N, C-alpha and C. Protein backbone atom coordinates (compact mmCIF):
# COMPACT_ATOMS: atom_id res chain seq x y z
N MET A 1 43.69 -128.96 213.34
CA MET A 1 44.43 -129.92 212.55
C MET A 1 44.15 -129.65 211.08
N GLN A 2 45.17 -129.80 210.28
CA GLN A 2 45.03 -129.52 208.86
C GLN A 2 46.00 -130.41 208.09
N TRP A 3 45.57 -130.80 206.88
CA TRP A 3 46.44 -131.58 206.02
C TRP A 3 47.48 -130.65 205.41
N VAL A 4 48.76 -131.03 205.50
CA VAL A 4 49.86 -130.18 205.05
C VAL A 4 50.78 -130.99 204.15
N LYS A 5 51.17 -130.35 203.05
CA LYS A 5 52.16 -130.92 202.14
C LYS A 5 53.01 -129.74 201.67
N PRO A 6 54.31 -129.84 201.78
CA PRO A 6 55.16 -128.67 201.51
C PRO A 6 54.98 -128.04 200.12
N ASP A 7 54.81 -128.83 199.09
CA ASP A 7 54.76 -128.28 197.74
C ASP A 7 53.34 -128.14 197.20
N ALA A 8 52.33 -128.24 198.05
CA ALA A 8 50.94 -128.19 197.59
C ALA A 8 50.33 -126.80 197.82
N THR A 9 49.56 -126.36 196.86
CA THR A 9 48.83 -125.11 197.01
C THR A 9 47.54 -125.38 197.77
N VAL A 10 46.89 -124.32 198.22
CA VAL A 10 45.63 -124.47 198.95
C VAL A 10 44.57 -125.13 198.07
N ALA A 11 44.53 -124.75 196.80
CA ALA A 11 43.56 -125.35 195.88
C ALA A 11 43.84 -126.83 195.68
N GLN A 12 45.12 -127.21 195.60
CA GLN A 12 45.46 -128.61 195.40
C GLN A 12 45.09 -129.43 196.65
N VAL A 13 45.32 -128.88 197.84
CA VAL A 13 44.96 -129.58 199.08
C VAL A 13 43.45 -129.81 199.12
N ASP A 14 42.68 -128.78 198.78
CA ASP A 14 41.22 -128.91 198.77
C ASP A 14 40.76 -129.96 197.76
N GLU A 15 41.36 -129.95 196.58
CA GLU A 15 40.99 -130.90 195.54
C GLU A 15 41.34 -132.33 195.94
N ASP A 16 42.55 -132.52 196.48
CA ASP A 16 42.97 -133.86 196.90
C ASP A 16 42.10 -134.36 198.05
N TYR A 17 41.78 -133.50 199.00
CA TYR A 17 40.95 -133.90 200.13
C TYR A 17 39.54 -134.27 199.66
N SER A 18 39.00 -133.49 198.75
CA SER A 18 37.68 -133.78 198.22
C SER A 18 37.67 -135.11 197.47
N THR A 19 38.69 -135.34 196.67
CA THR A 19 38.80 -136.60 195.93
C THR A 19 38.92 -137.79 196.88
N CYS A 20 39.75 -137.64 197.90
CA CYS A 20 39.94 -138.73 198.86
C CYS A 20 38.65 -139.02 199.62
N ARG A 21 37.93 -137.98 200.00
CA ARG A 21 36.67 -138.20 200.71
C ARG A 21 35.65 -138.91 199.84
N GLN A 22 35.57 -138.53 198.55
CA GLN A 22 34.63 -139.18 197.65
C GLN A 22 34.98 -140.65 197.44
N GLU A 23 36.26 -140.92 197.22
CA GLU A 23 36.69 -142.30 197.02
C GLU A 23 36.49 -143.14 198.29
N ALA A 24 36.77 -142.56 199.45
CA ALA A 24 36.58 -143.27 200.71
C ALA A 24 35.09 -143.54 200.95
N TRP A 25 34.25 -142.59 200.64
CA TRP A 25 32.81 -142.77 200.81
C TRP A 25 32.32 -143.92 199.94
N ARG A 26 32.76 -143.93 198.68
CA ARG A 26 32.36 -144.99 197.76
C ARG A 26 32.83 -146.36 198.25
N GLU A 27 34.10 -146.44 198.65
CA GLU A 27 34.66 -147.71 199.11
C GLU A 27 33.99 -148.19 200.40
N ALA A 28 33.74 -147.28 201.32
CA ALA A 28 33.12 -147.65 202.58
C ALA A 28 31.69 -148.14 202.36
N ARG A 29 30.98 -147.54 201.43
CA ARG A 29 29.61 -147.99 201.14
C ARG A 29 29.60 -149.38 200.54
N LEU A 30 30.58 -149.67 199.68
CA LEU A 30 30.65 -150.99 199.07
C LEU A 30 31.02 -152.06 200.10
N ARG A 31 31.91 -151.73 201.02
CA ARG A 31 32.41 -152.70 201.98
C ARG A 31 31.55 -152.83 203.22
N SER A 32 30.73 -151.85 203.47
CA SER A 32 29.94 -151.84 204.69
C SER A 32 28.73 -152.76 204.56
N SER A 33 28.46 -153.43 205.63
CA SER A 33 27.25 -154.27 205.65
C SER A 33 26.15 -153.56 206.43
N TRP A 34 26.29 -152.26 206.61
CA TRP A 34 25.36 -151.47 207.41
C TRP A 34 23.93 -151.60 206.91
N LEU A 35 23.74 -151.57 205.62
CA LEU A 35 22.40 -151.65 205.06
C LEU A 35 21.82 -153.06 205.14
N HIS A 36 22.67 -154.05 205.33
CA HIS A 36 22.22 -155.43 205.33
C HIS A 36 22.12 -156.03 206.72
N ARG A 37 22.40 -155.24 207.75
CA ARG A 37 22.30 -155.75 209.11
C ARG A 37 20.85 -155.87 209.52
N PRO A 38 20.54 -156.90 210.27
CA PRO A 38 19.17 -157.02 210.78
C PRO A 38 18.90 -155.95 211.83
N VAL A 39 17.65 -155.50 211.90
CA VAL A 39 17.30 -154.49 212.90
C VAL A 39 16.67 -155.13 214.13
N ALA A 40 16.24 -156.34 214.04
CA ALA A 40 15.65 -157.05 215.18
C ALA A 40 16.73 -157.94 215.80
N PRO A 41 16.53 -158.33 217.04
CA PRO A 41 17.52 -159.22 217.66
C PRO A 41 17.51 -160.59 216.98
N TYR A 42 18.59 -161.30 217.09
CA TYR A 42 18.66 -162.63 216.53
C TYR A 42 19.18 -163.59 217.59
N ILE A 43 18.95 -164.86 217.39
CA ILE A 43 19.32 -165.87 218.38
C ILE A 43 20.75 -166.33 218.14
N VAL A 44 21.53 -166.33 219.21
CA VAL A 44 22.93 -166.73 219.16
C VAL A 44 23.14 -167.82 220.20
N ARG A 45 24.03 -168.75 219.94
CA ARG A 45 24.36 -169.79 220.91
C ARG A 45 25.75 -169.51 221.47
N ASP A 46 25.89 -169.67 222.77
CA ASP A 46 27.21 -169.52 223.37
C ASP A 46 27.96 -170.84 223.28
N VAL A 47 29.13 -170.93 223.90
CA VAL A 47 29.99 -172.10 223.81
C VAL A 47 29.32 -173.35 224.38
N GLN A 48 28.49 -173.15 225.39
CA GLN A 48 27.84 -174.29 226.03
C GLN A 48 26.50 -174.63 225.39
N GLY A 49 26.15 -173.98 224.31
CA GLY A 49 24.94 -174.30 223.58
C GLY A 49 23.70 -173.58 224.03
N ARG A 50 23.82 -172.69 225.00
CA ARG A 50 22.66 -171.94 225.47
C ARG A 50 22.31 -170.85 224.47
N GLN A 51 21.02 -170.63 224.28
CA GLN A 51 20.56 -169.61 223.35
C GLN A 51 20.30 -168.30 224.08
N PHE A 52 20.59 -167.19 223.39
CA PHE A 52 20.23 -165.89 223.92
C PHE A 52 20.04 -164.92 222.76
N LEU A 53 19.37 -163.81 223.02
CA LEU A 53 19.13 -162.81 221.99
C LEU A 53 20.28 -161.82 221.94
N ALA A 54 20.74 -161.50 220.75
CA ALA A 54 21.79 -160.51 220.56
C ALA A 54 21.27 -159.44 219.61
N TRP A 55 21.49 -158.21 219.97
CA TRP A 55 21.09 -157.09 219.10
C TRP A 55 22.23 -156.79 218.13
N PRO A 56 21.91 -156.32 216.94
CA PRO A 56 22.95 -156.07 215.94
C PRO A 56 23.99 -155.05 216.39
N HIS A 57 23.61 -154.11 217.22
CA HIS A 57 24.56 -153.08 217.61
C HIS A 57 25.08 -153.29 219.02
N ALA A 58 24.99 -154.51 219.50
CA ALA A 58 25.56 -154.84 220.80
C ALA A 58 27.05 -155.15 220.60
N GLY A 59 27.65 -155.79 221.56
CA GLY A 59 29.07 -156.08 221.47
C GLY A 59 29.42 -157.19 220.50
N PHE A 60 28.44 -157.72 219.77
CA PHE A 60 28.69 -158.84 218.89
C PHE A 60 28.79 -158.45 217.42
N HIS A 61 28.71 -157.17 217.11
CA HIS A 61 28.79 -156.78 215.70
C HIS A 61 30.24 -156.51 215.31
N ASP A 62 30.48 -156.40 214.05
CA ASP A 62 31.81 -156.17 213.52
C ASP A 62 32.21 -154.71 213.74
N PRO A 63 33.26 -154.43 214.53
CA PRO A 63 33.64 -153.04 214.77
C PRO A 63 34.18 -152.34 213.52
N PHE A 64 34.65 -153.10 212.54
CA PHE A 64 35.15 -152.50 211.31
C PHE A 64 34.06 -152.38 210.26
N GLY A 65 32.83 -152.76 210.60
CA GLY A 65 31.72 -152.66 209.67
C GLY A 65 31.03 -151.31 209.72
N ASP A 66 31.46 -150.42 210.60
CA ASP A 66 30.86 -149.09 210.71
C ASP A 66 31.31 -148.25 209.52
N GLN A 67 30.36 -147.85 208.71
CA GLN A 67 30.68 -147.14 207.48
C GLN A 67 31.39 -145.82 207.74
N PHE A 68 31.01 -145.10 208.76
CA PHE A 68 31.57 -143.77 209.00
C PHE A 68 33.01 -143.85 209.51
N LEU A 69 33.30 -144.81 210.38
CA LEU A 69 34.67 -144.98 210.84
C LEU A 69 35.57 -145.46 209.70
N GLU A 70 35.05 -146.36 208.90
CA GLU A 70 35.82 -146.87 207.76
C GLU A 70 36.09 -145.76 206.75
N GLU A 71 35.10 -144.91 206.53
CA GLU A 71 35.27 -143.79 205.60
C GLU A 71 36.36 -142.84 206.09
N SER A 72 36.37 -142.54 207.37
CA SER A 72 37.39 -141.67 207.94
C SER A 72 38.78 -142.29 207.81
N ARG A 73 38.88 -143.57 208.11
CA ARG A 73 40.16 -144.26 208.02
C ARG A 73 40.68 -144.28 206.58
N LEU A 74 39.79 -144.55 205.64
CA LEU A 74 40.19 -144.58 204.23
C LEU A 74 40.58 -143.20 203.71
N THR A 75 39.90 -142.15 204.18
CA THR A 75 40.27 -140.79 203.78
C THR A 75 41.66 -140.45 204.27
N GLN A 76 41.95 -140.79 205.52
CA GLN A 76 43.29 -140.52 206.07
C GLN A 76 44.36 -141.31 205.32
N PHE A 77 44.06 -142.57 205.00
CA PHE A 77 45.01 -143.38 204.25
C PHE A 77 45.30 -142.76 202.88
N CYS A 78 44.25 -142.31 202.21
CA CYS A 78 44.40 -141.70 200.89
C CYS A 78 45.27 -140.45 200.94
N MET A 79 44.99 -139.58 201.92
CA MET A 79 45.75 -138.34 202.03
C MET A 79 47.22 -138.61 202.36
N ARG A 80 47.45 -139.57 203.24
CA ARG A 80 48.84 -139.90 203.58
C ARG A 80 49.57 -140.52 202.39
N SER A 81 48.84 -141.30 201.58
CA SER A 81 49.48 -141.91 200.41
C SER A 81 49.82 -140.86 199.35
N LYS A 82 49.16 -139.72 199.39
CA LYS A 82 49.47 -138.63 198.47
C LYS A 82 50.58 -137.73 199.00
N GLY A 83 51.09 -138.04 200.20
CA GLY A 83 52.21 -137.29 200.76
C GLY A 83 51.83 -136.22 201.77
N TYR A 84 50.59 -136.18 202.20
CA TYR A 84 50.15 -135.19 203.17
C TYR A 84 50.37 -135.70 204.58
N GLN A 85 50.52 -134.75 205.51
CA GLN A 85 50.59 -135.07 206.93
C GLN A 85 49.56 -134.23 207.65
N LEU A 86 48.92 -134.81 208.65
CA LEU A 86 47.95 -134.09 209.45
C LEU A 86 48.70 -133.40 210.58
N GLN A 87 48.70 -132.05 210.57
CA GLN A 87 49.46 -131.29 211.55
C GLN A 87 48.58 -130.23 212.20
N GLN A 88 48.97 -129.87 213.41
CA GLN A 88 48.27 -128.80 214.10
C GLN A 88 48.82 -127.47 213.58
N VAL A 89 47.92 -126.56 213.24
CA VAL A 89 48.35 -125.24 212.74
C VAL A 89 47.84 -124.17 213.69
N GLU A 90 48.55 -123.07 213.72
CA GLU A 90 48.18 -121.95 214.58
C GLU A 90 46.95 -121.26 214.02
N LYS A 91 46.09 -120.80 214.93
CA LYS A 91 44.91 -120.05 214.50
C LYS A 91 45.36 -118.68 214.01
N ALA A 92 44.61 -118.12 213.06
CA ALA A 92 44.92 -116.81 212.54
C ALA A 92 44.75 -115.78 213.66
N ALA A 93 45.56 -114.73 213.64
CA ALA A 93 45.51 -113.71 214.68
C ALA A 93 44.20 -112.94 214.69
N THR A 94 43.49 -112.93 213.55
CA THR A 94 42.24 -112.19 213.47
C THR A 94 41.08 -112.96 214.08
N GLN A 95 41.21 -114.27 214.26
CA GLN A 95 40.13 -115.06 214.83
C GLN A 95 40.19 -115.00 216.35
N LYS A 96 39.01 -114.94 216.97
CA LYS A 96 38.97 -114.93 218.44
C LYS A 96 38.15 -116.08 218.94
């Protein structure tokens, strides 16, 4: 898979991809609560008032709070907003 834009040179694609990755990394770090999550379990109450322990990375955490997934999503959004499309390209004949 490769980012493709009809009027872009290879250098421009590399520069735009690098810029998008840097901006996505910065934005994901600001928005992520990864550094502020507790590492020990915490007490949660269910609907009936019963208490139980929940771990931060169990099914009760925010799925959009993952910095790496958010960074990938933001990078793709940035590249698409610049007019690129992610397409499958043929491997070079010299590669085996």
